[in-house]
Amino acid sequence: MEKNNLYITELIDKCTNCGNCRIVCPVFKISGEEIYSTRGRINLVKGYLSGDINTSKELREKLFVCLNCRQCLEFCPADVEYSEIIKNAKSRLISRNKIFDIKRSILEGIFSFKPSSSDIFFMLLRKSGHMLYKNHSLNYFGKTIFRLAGINLAAKIPEIPVGNFFNMGIRHETKNDRGIRIALFTGCGGKYLYPECTDNFVRIVRSKGIEILIPKNQVCCGNPLSYKGLLKSADKNINANTKAFNSLIDIKLIVSLCPEAGNLFKELNSEDPKLSLRLPVKNWIEFISEYKIEFAPKYDNSVLFHSCPGCGHTDLYKDLVNTIYADYTKVPDFTADFCGCTELLDRSNYDIRHKIARSFYEKNCMGKADYVICSSFECIEHLNEFFTSSNLPVRAIHFF
């Protein structure tokens, strides 16, 4: 929900300019310039709201370069709500930018508050590969489209499965019913990009005697929209999901396959009663750990487990990995380093994010791994784009 200037200014005034955020800000680490640190961006927003700094392309670039890794939030001694500051600043900037309207229409179509609209846009995205590429390289038409959209010509569009999760037609029976019913939020990744992961999760949980309801009218959580400053559009998604899940009865809790969506729903439940879900929300890592869902690992040795800082529950994920590999001679390595991911299908700040991904790859010696097993769809999609465009053999996959 968009906040007024007074509210944002009060958040800004909590900043003590200590500079702790510079220790972890990935963009500052690459640029070395104060203006690209969290503190630098907060001061830019302060100047913008006070009228000392005018709207400009340069201002937009410096604010939109934030990758929303959320690491600065952990290091801030004043608990400055930086995420609120930056997304509200973005919202004010895009409302003045008429050129952004084309991109906004595409974003609002892909991550729509109407399931049917998202279905159409993901279908078009899937078919666009045949129109934009020839022999795995952008053709003339593709290059023109990428330039108009401001996308780096080296960027790759992921392969979209023909059918989404609700079109798969595979459903698994609940065995030895324990009398527990949960509702599942799939996220865009679990519905459109990696539906087999959602199906695997459903199969495993139902085999353990827990019934799962999956509302067909659920939509994108809204994070990809708010990341771009489209707060009013994101609110529509939140309202749609609130209606979809609050209408369910005899449900114990909501489980989110998308950790960042789960974190968003928890924040809403504590901040805004009008947008709150009436059921408790847990991310899949919390749920699997708390309900002691046991299963054998799919992969043996040459894997690396990964969870980005923004996903949260890193310790739980690491403990889960240690538990399922307890009987093996070697527990796979685990990393909680930031890989450069932002939101699904985001290709902004391409060069910076690839530098971060390259550092992530080299630091964690990924040349020795066949797979990176991630806790979030955003990490998978970003890392696979990096691996593909860099001609690296390793692939990112989901835990399920």
Protein backbone atom coordinates (compact mmCIF):
# COMPACT_ATOMS: atom_id res chain seq x y z
CA MET A 1 0.00 0.00 0.00
CA GLU A 2 1.37 3.41 -0.99
CA LYS A 3 2.28 5.67 1.94
CA ASN A 4 2.20 9.47 2.15
CA ASN A 5 5.30 11.67 2.17
CA LEU A 6 5.10 12.36 5.91
CA TYR A 7 5.17 8.65 6.71
CA ILE A 8 8.16 8.04 4.40
CA THR A 9 10.02 11.05 5.82
CA GLU A 10 9.56 9.68 9.34
CA LEU A 11 11.09 6.38 8.21
CA ILE A 12 14.01 8.22 6.60
CA ASP A 13 14.67 10.25 9.74
CA LYS A 14 15.36 7.02 11.65
CA CYS A 15 18.54 6.56 9.59
CA THR A 16 21.62 7.55 11.62
CA ASN A 17 23.95 7.47 8.58
CA CYS A 18 26.15 4.91 10.35
CA GLY A 19 27.09 3.22 7.08
CA ASN A 20 26.65 -0.36 8.27
CA CYS A 21 24.57 -1.06 5.16
CA ARG A 22 27.62 -0.53 2.97
CA ILE A 23 29.14 -3.71 4.40
CA VAL A 24 26.54 -5.88 2.69
CA CYS A 25 25.05 -3.85 -0.19
CA PRO A 26 26.01 -5.80 -3.34
CA VAL A 27 25.66 -2.79 -5.66
CA PHE A 28 27.94 -0.66 -3.47
CA LYS A 29 30.51 -3.45 -3.36
CA ILE A 30 30.68 -3.40 -7.17
CA SER A 31 30.48 0.36 -7.77
CA GLY A 32 32.35 1.59 -4.68
CA GLU A 33 30.29 4.79 -4.84
CA GLU A 34 28.38 6.08 -1.82
CA ILE A 35 25.40 7.08 -3.93
CA TYR A 36 24.81 3.38 -4.76
CA SER A 37 24.73 2.27 -1.12
CA THR A 38 21.54 1.93 0.92
CA ARG A 39 22.47 5.06 2.84
CA GLY A 40 23.12 6.92 -0.40
CA ARG A 41 19.73 5.97 -1.82
CA ILE A 42 17.95 6.97 1.41
CA ASN A 43 19.55 10.41 1.18
CA LEU A 44 18.50 10.65 -2.47
CA VAL A 45 14.89 9.89 -1.54
CA LYS A 46 15.10 12.47 1.26
CA GLY A 47 16.28 15.11 -1.20
CA TYR A 48 13.63 14.12 -3.71
CA LEU A 49 10.75 14.34 -1.21
CA SER A 50 11.98 17.69 0.12
CA GLY A 51 12.19 19.13 -3.42
CA ASP A 52 15.97 19.60 -3.34
CA ILE A 53 16.40 16.93 -6.05
CA ASN A 54 14.29 16.94 -9.20
CA THR A 55 12.96 13.93 -11.06
CA SER A 56 15.49 12.81 -13.64
CA LYS A 57 16.67 9.74 -15.52
CA GLU A 58 19.77 9.69 -13.33
CA LEU A 59 17.68 9.68 -10.14
CA ARG A 60 15.57 6.79 -11.45
CA GLU A 61 18.64 4.77 -12.38
CA LYS A 62 20.23 5.21 -8.95
CA LEU A 63 17.06 4.21 -7.08
CA PHE A 64 15.99 1.38 -9.38
CA VAL A 65 19.45 -0.21 -9.16
CA CYS A 66 18.54 -1.52 -5.70
CA LEU A 67 18.25 -5.32 -5.98
CA ASN A 68 16.02 -5.76 -2.92
CA CYS A 69 18.38 -8.33 -1.39
CA ARG A 70 17.26 -7.11 2.08
CA GLN A 71 20.67 -7.74 3.62
CA CYS A 72 20.91 -4.14 4.83
CA LEU A 73 17.83 -4.69 7.01
CA GLU A 74 19.73 -7.24 9.09
CA PHE A 75 22.69 -4.91 9.63
CA CYS A 76 20.80 -1.69 10.39
CA PRO A 77 21.06 -0.81 14.13
CA ALA A 78 18.20 1.69 13.79
CA ASP A 79 15.83 -0.80 12.13
CA VAL A 80 15.16 1.55 9.24
CA GLU A 81 12.37 0.15 7.06
CA TYR A 82 14.36 0.64 3.88
CA SER A 83 12.11 -1.58 1.75
CA GLU A 84 9.14 0.71 2.47
CA ILE A 85 11.21 3.78 1.61
CA ILE A 86 12.54 2.52 -1.71
CA LYS A 87 9.34 0.99 -3.09
CA ASN A 88 7.35 4.14 -2.27
CA ALA A 89 10.02 6.29 -3.91
CA LYS A 90 9.86 4.10 -7.02
CA SER A 91 6.07 4.45 -7.04
CA ARG A 92 6.33 8.23 -7.17
CA LEU A 93 8.94 8.15 -9.92
CA ILE A 94 7.12 5.80 -12.29
CA SER A 95 3.88 7.80 -11.95
CA ARG A 96 5.77 10.66 -13.62
CA ASN A 97 7.38 8.51 -16.29
CA LYS A 98 5.10 8.09 -19.31
CA ILE A 99 7.64 5.95 -21.17
CA PHE A 100 7.25 3.32 -18.47
CA ASP A 101 3.59 2.77 -19.44
CA ILE A 102 4.44 0.09 -22.03
CA LYS A 103 6.57 -1.87 -19.57
CA ARG A 104 3.92 -1.38 -16.92
CA SER A 105 1.23 -2.87 -19.16
CA ILE A 106 3.38 -5.94 -19.78
CA LEU A 107 4.20 -6.37 -16.09
CA GLU A 108 0.58 -5.93 -15.04
CA GLY A 109 -0.42 -8.50 -17.66
CA ILE A 110 2.11 -11.16 -16.67
CA PHE A 111 1.59 -10.67 -12.94
CA SER A 112 -2.10 -9.82 -13.16
CA PHE A 113 -4.72 -9.91 -10.41
CA LYS A 114 -6.82 -11.92 -12.89
CA PRO A 115 -5.71 -15.54 -13.45
CA SER A 116 -6.99 -15.53 -17.03
CA SER A 117 -4.81 -12.52 -17.93
CA SER A 118 -1.68 -14.12 -16.53
CA ASP A 119 -2.53 -17.33 -18.42
CA ILE A 120 -2.65 -15.40 -21.69
CA PHE A 121 0.55 -13.43 -21.07
CA PHE A 122 2.56 -16.50 -20.05
CA MET A 123 1.29 -18.27 -23.18
CA LEU A 124 2.44 -15.30 -25.29
CA LEU A 125 5.77 -15.30 -23.48
CA ARG A 126 6.19 -18.99 -24.28
CA LYS A 127 5.38 -18.49 -27.96
CA SER A 128 7.54 -15.38 -28.25
CA GLY A 129 10.66 -17.55 -28.22
CA HIS A 130 9.85 -18.72 -31.77
CA MET A 131 9.42 -15.12 -32.95
CA LEU A 132 12.41 -13.54 -31.19
CA TYR A 133 15.09 -16.21 -31.62
CA LYS A 134 16.72 -18.08 -34.47
CA ASN A 135 19.22 -20.83 -33.70
CA HIS A 136 19.23 -19.76 -30.03
CA SER A 137 20.22 -16.18 -30.95
CA LEU A 138 18.06 -13.07 -31.13
CA ASN A 139 16.88 -12.30 -34.65
CA TYR A 140 16.41 -8.75 -35.94
CA PHE A 141 12.86 -8.55 -34.60
CA GLY A 142 14.00 -9.87 -31.22
CA LYS A 143 16.79 -7.31 -30.97
CA THR A 144 14.34 -4.53 -31.80
CA ILE A 145 11.90 -5.68 -29.10
CA PHE A 146 14.67 -6.01 -26.51
CA ARG A 147 15.98 -2.53 -27.27
CA LEU A 148 12.51 -1.00 -27.00
CA ALA A 149 11.97 -2.78 -23.69
CA GLY A 150 15.40 -1.74 -22.41
CA ILE A 151 16.57 -5.36 -22.06
CA ASN A 152 20.21 -6.33 -22.49
CA LEU A 153 20.62 -8.20 -25.80
CA ALA A 154 22.55 -10.95 -24.03
CA ALA A 155 19.59 -11.76 -21.76
CA LYS A 156 17.71 -15.02 -22.23
CA ILE A 157 13.99 -15.70 -21.91
CA PRO A 158 13.26 -18.90 -19.96
CA GLU A 159 11.42 -21.79 -21.53
CA ILE A 160 7.80 -21.76 -20.38
CA PRO A 161 6.09 -25.16 -20.06
CA VAL A 162 3.10 -25.68 -22.36
CA GLY A 163 0.70 -26.20 -19.47
CA ASN A 164 0.63 -24.58 -16.04
CA PHE A 165 0.17 -26.57 -12.83
CA PHE A 166 -3.62 -26.59 -13.05
CA ASN A 167 -3.44 -28.05 -16.57
CA MET A 168 -1.19 -30.97 -15.64
CA GLY A 169 -4.06 -33.31 -14.85
CA ILE A 170 -2.01 -35.24 -12.29
CA ARG A 171 -3.42 -35.46 -8.80
CA HIS A 172 -2.22 -37.60 -5.92
CA GLU A 173 -4.42 -39.23 -3.29
CA THR A 174 -3.97 -38.55 0.40
CA LYS A 175 -2.70 -41.69 2.16
CA ASN A 176 -3.39 -42.52 5.82
CA ASP A 177 -5.27 -39.26 6.35
CA ARG A 178 -4.06 -37.49 9.52
CA GLY A 179 -7.02 -35.09 9.53
CA ILE A 180 -4.85 -32.10 8.62
CA ARG A 181 -5.85 -29.80 5.73
CA ILE A 182 -3.66 -27.02 4.41
CA ALA A 183 -3.98 -24.55 1.55
CA LEU A 184 -1.10 -24.13 -0.91
CA PHE A 185 0.10 -20.90 -2.50
CA THR A 186 2.07 -21.91 -5.59
CA GLY A 187 3.40 -18.54 -6.67
CA CYS A 188 3.97 -17.69 -10.34
CA GLY A 189 7.04 -19.92 -10.38
CA GLY A 190 5.14 -22.91 -9.04
CA LYS A 191 2.22 -22.38 -11.38
CA TYR A 192 3.80 -21.35 -14.68
CA LEU A 193 7.58 -21.91 -14.74
CA TYR A 194 8.12 -24.98 -12.57
CA PRO A 195 4.75 -26.76 -12.22
CA GLU A 196 6.48 -30.13 -11.74
CA CYS A 197 7.95 -28.80 -8.45
CA THR A 198 4.46 -28.00 -7.18
CA ASP A 199 3.25 -31.42 -8.23
CA ASN A 200 6.16 -33.10 -6.41
CA PHE A 201 5.40 -31.13 -3.25
CA VAL A 202 1.73 -32.13 -3.39
CA ARG A 203 2.64 -35.78 -3.96
CA ILE A 204 5.05 -35.88 -1.00
CA VAL A 205 2.76 -34.08 1.45
CA ARG A 206 -0.33 -36.12 0.54
CA SER A 207 1.69 -39.31 0.88
CA LYS A 208 2.28 -38.26 4.49
CA GLY A 209 -1.45 -38.03 5.23
CA ILE A 210 -1.93 -34.27 4.85
CA GLU A 211 -4.59 -32.99 2.46
CA ILE A 212 -3.81 -29.94 0.31
CA LEU A 213 -6.28 -27.50 -1.22
CA ILE A 214 -4.95 -25.36 -4.06
CA PRO A 215 -7.28 -22.47 -4.99
CA LYS A 216 -7.42 -21.98 -8.76
CA ASN A 217 -8.22 -18.30 -8.36
CA GLN A 218 -4.97 -17.48 -6.56
CA VAL A 219 -2.72 -14.99 -8.40
CA CYS A 220 0.79 -13.56 -8.23
CA CYS A 221 1.63 -12.33 -4.71
CA GLY A 222 2.39 -8.85 -6.09
CA ASN A 223 6.10 -8.73 -5.22
CA PRO A 224 7.26 -8.36 -8.86
CA LEU A 225 4.93 -5.35 -9.17
CA SER A 226 5.87 -3.61 -5.92
CA TYR A 227 9.56 -4.14 -6.76
CA LYS A 228 8.97 -1.92 -9.79
CA GLY A 229 6.98 0.61 -7.75
CA LEU A 230 3.56 -0.54 -8.99
CA LEU A 231 2.06 -0.50 -5.51
CA LYS A 232 -1.56 0.07 -6.51
CA SER A 233 -1.41 -2.86 -8.92
CA ALA A 234 0.24 -5.02 -6.24
CA ASP A 235 -2.62 -4.16 -3.86
CA LYS A 236 -5.09 -5.62 -6.36
CA ASN A 237 -3.17 -8.90 -6.29
CA ILE A 238 -3.14 -8.91 -2.51
CA ASN A 239 -6.89 -8.33 -2.43
CA ALA A 240 -7.46 -11.16 -4.92
CA ASN A 241 -5.39 -13.61 -2.89
CA THR A 242 -7.03 -12.53 0.36
CA LYS A 243 -10.44 -13.34 -1.12
CA ALA A 244 -9.24 -16.64 -2.58
CA PHE A 245 -7.77 -17.99 0.66
CA ASN A 246 -10.10 -16.40 3.20
CA SER A 247 -13.06 -18.15 1.54
CA LEU A 248 -11.65 -21.59 2.40
CA ILE A 249 -13.05 -23.49 5.38
CA ASP A 250 -11.65 -26.18 7.68
CA ILE A 251 -8.05 -25.24 6.80
CA LYS A 252 -5.27 -25.26 9.39
CA LEU A 253 -2.80 -22.97 7.63
CA ILE A 254 -1.50 -21.63 4.31
CA VAL A 255 1.81 -22.93 2.99
CA SER A 256 3.71 -20.88 0.41
CA LEU A 257 6.05 -22.56 -2.08
CA CYS A 258 7.45 -19.09 -2.76
CA PRO A 259 9.37 -17.91 0.35
CA GLU A 260 9.23 -14.21 -0.55
CA ALA A 261 5.46 -14.43 -1.05
CA GLY A 262 5.16 -16.15 2.33
CA ASN A 263 7.18 -13.36 3.93
CA LEU A 264 4.90 -10.78 2.31
CA PHE A 265 1.74 -12.49 3.59
CA LYS A 266 3.17 -12.59 7.11
CA GLU A 267 3.97 -8.88 7.00
CA LEU A 268 0.44 -8.11 5.85
CA ASN A 269 -1.03 -10.14 8.69
CA SER A 270 0.88 -8.02 11.19
CA GLU A 271 0.42 -4.62 9.55
CA ASP A 272 -2.90 -4.21 7.74
CA PRO A 273 -6.06 -6.01 8.97
CA LYS A 274 -7.93 -5.13 5.76
CA LEU A 275 -5.44 -7.03 3.62
CA SER A 276 -4.74 -9.82 6.12
CA LEU A 277 -5.23 -13.51 5.60
CA ARG A 278 -7.27 -15.01 8.42
CA LEU A 279 -5.11 -18.15 8.47
CA PRO A 280 -1.50 -18.42 9.66
CA VAL A 281 1.11 -18.54 6.88
CA LYS A 282 4.23 -20.67 6.73
CA ASN A 283 6.87 -20.98 4.06
CA TRP A 284 7.45 -24.50 2.75
CA ILE A 285 10.72 -24.79 4.70
CA GLU A 286 8.95 -24.02 7.99
CA PHE A 287 6.12 -26.41 7.18
CA ILE A 288 8.34 -29.35 6.18
CA SER A 289 10.46 -28.87 9.30
CA GLU A 290 7.61 -28.36 11.78
CA TYR A 291 5.48 -31.25 10.51
CA LYS A 292 8.52 -33.51 10.12
CA ILE A 293 7.80 -34.47 6.51
CA GLU A 294 10.42 -37.12 5.76
CA PHE A 295 11.61 -38.13 2.30
CA ALA A 296 14.73 -39.34 0.57
CA PRO A 297 16.92 -36.82 -1.29
CA LYS A 298 16.76 -36.89 -5.09
CA TYR A 299 20.45 -36.21 -5.63
CA ASP A 300 23.59 -37.73 -4.17
CA ASN A 301 26.89 -35.90 -4.31
CA SER A 302 27.58 -33.18 -6.88
CA VAL A 303 25.01 -30.66 -5.62
CA LEU A 304 25.12 -27.39 -3.74
CA PHE A 305 22.19 -26.16 -1.67
CA HIS A 306 21.37 -22.47 -1.76
CA SER A 307 19.04 -19.99 -0.07
CA CYS A 308 19.26 -16.24 -0.68
CA PRO A 309 19.13 -13.80 2.29
CA GLY A 310 15.75 -12.42 1.18
CA CYS A 311 14.11 -15.85 1.47
CA GLY A 312 14.70 -16.07 5.21
CA HIS A 313 14.82 -19.29 7.28
CA THR A 314 18.37 -20.02 6.14
CA ASP A 315 19.17 -21.96 9.32
CA LEU A 316 16.01 -24.06 8.97
CA TYR A 317 16.87 -24.89 5.36
CA LYS A 318 20.42 -25.85 6.32
CA ASP A 319 19.14 -28.04 9.16
CA LEU A 320 16.70 -29.69 6.75
CA VAL A 321 19.53 -30.52 4.35
CA ASN A 322 21.63 -31.94 7.19
CA THR A 323 18.68 -34.07 8.33
CA ILE A 324 17.82 -35.68 5.00
CA TYR A 325 21.49 -36.42 4.27
CA ALA A 326 22.21 -37.67 7.81
CA ASP A 327 22.75 -41.27 6.63
CA TYR A 328 25.06 -40.28 3.79
CA THR A 329 28.84 -40.24 4.00
CA LYS A 330 28.93 -36.58 2.98
CA VAL A 331 26.45 -33.77 3.50
CA PRO A 332 26.36 -31.43 0.45
CA ASP A 333 27.71 -27.91 0.82
CA PHE A 334 25.33 -25.05 1.59
CA THR A 335 25.54 -21.34 0.78
CA ALA A 336 23.40 -18.40 1.87
CA ASP A 337 25.31 -15.89 -0.28
CA PHE A 338 23.30 -13.46 -2.39
CA CYS A 339 23.23 -14.75 -5.97
CA GLY A 340 21.89 -11.57 -7.62
CA CYS A 341 18.26 -12.62 -7.99
CA THR A 342 15.42 -10.10 -7.75
CA GLU A 343 11.97 -11.11 -9.06
CA LEU A 344 10.81 -13.63 -11.64
CA LEU A 345 11.56 -12.67 -15.27
CA ASP A 346 13.33 -9.47 -14.19
CA ARG A 347 16.13 -8.52 -16.59
CA SER A 348 16.91 -5.06 -15.20
CA ASN A 349 20.39 -4.17 -13.90
CA TYR A 350 21.61 -7.03 -16.06
CA ASP A 351 25.36 -6.35 -15.97
CA ILE A 352 25.49 -5.78 -12.20
CA ARG A 353 23.48 -8.90 -11.46
CA HIS A 354 25.68 -10.99 -13.75
CA LYS A 355 28.80 -9.75 -11.94
CA ILE A 356 27.21 -10.81 -8.65
CA ALA A 357 26.23 -14.19 -10.11
CA ARG A 358 29.75 -14.68 -11.48
CA SER A 359 31.23 -13.95 -8.05
CA PHE A 360 28.67 -16.29 -6.47
CA TYR A 361 29.62 -19.04 -8.95
CA GLU A 362 33.36 -18.68 -8.38
CA LYS A 363 33.26 -18.23 -4.60
CA ASN A 364 31.21 -21.41 -4.15
CA CYS A 365 33.29 -23.46 -6.62
CA MET A 366 30.25 -24.36 -8.70
CA GLY A 367 32.37 -25.80 -11.46
CA LYS A 368 32.40 -28.97 -9.36
CA ALA A 369 28.60 -29.16 -9.05
CA ASP A 370 25.98 -30.49 -11.44
CA TYR A 371 23.09 -28.76 -9.69
CA VAL A 372 22.40 -25.84 -7.36
CA ILE A 373 19.32 -26.73 -5.30
CA CYS A 374 17.51 -23.51 -4.41
CA SER A 375 14.77 -22.67 -1.93
CA SER A 376 13.11 -20.10 -4.21
CA PHE A 377 11.93 -19.91 -7.81
CA GLU A 378 13.52 -16.47 -8.20
CA CYS A 379 17.00 -17.87 -7.55
CA ILE A 380 16.42 -20.72 -10.01
CA GLU A 381 15.23 -18.48 -12.81
CA HIS A 382 18.02 -15.92 -12.33
CA LEU A 383 20.84 -18.44 -11.96
CA ASN A 384 19.73 -20.51 -14.95
CA GLU A 385 19.65 -17.36 -17.08
CA PHE A 386 23.21 -16.64 -15.96
CA PHE A 387 24.38 -20.23 -16.50
CA THR A 388 22.80 -20.42 -19.96
CA SER A 389 24.06 -17.06 -21.21
CA SER A 390 27.54 -17.85 -19.81
CA ASN A 391 27.59 -21.36 -21.36
CA LEU A 392 28.11 -23.02 -17.99
CA PRO A 393 26.99 -26.66 -17.57
CA VAL A 394 25.64 -26.34 -14.01
CA ARG A 395 21.86 -25.92 -13.56
CA ALA A 396 19.69 -24.51 -10.77
CA ILE A 397 16.70 -26.55 -9.64
CA HIS A 398 14.14 -26.39 -6.84
CA PHE A 399 14.30 -28.49 -3.69
CA PHE A 400 11.24 -30.38 -4.98
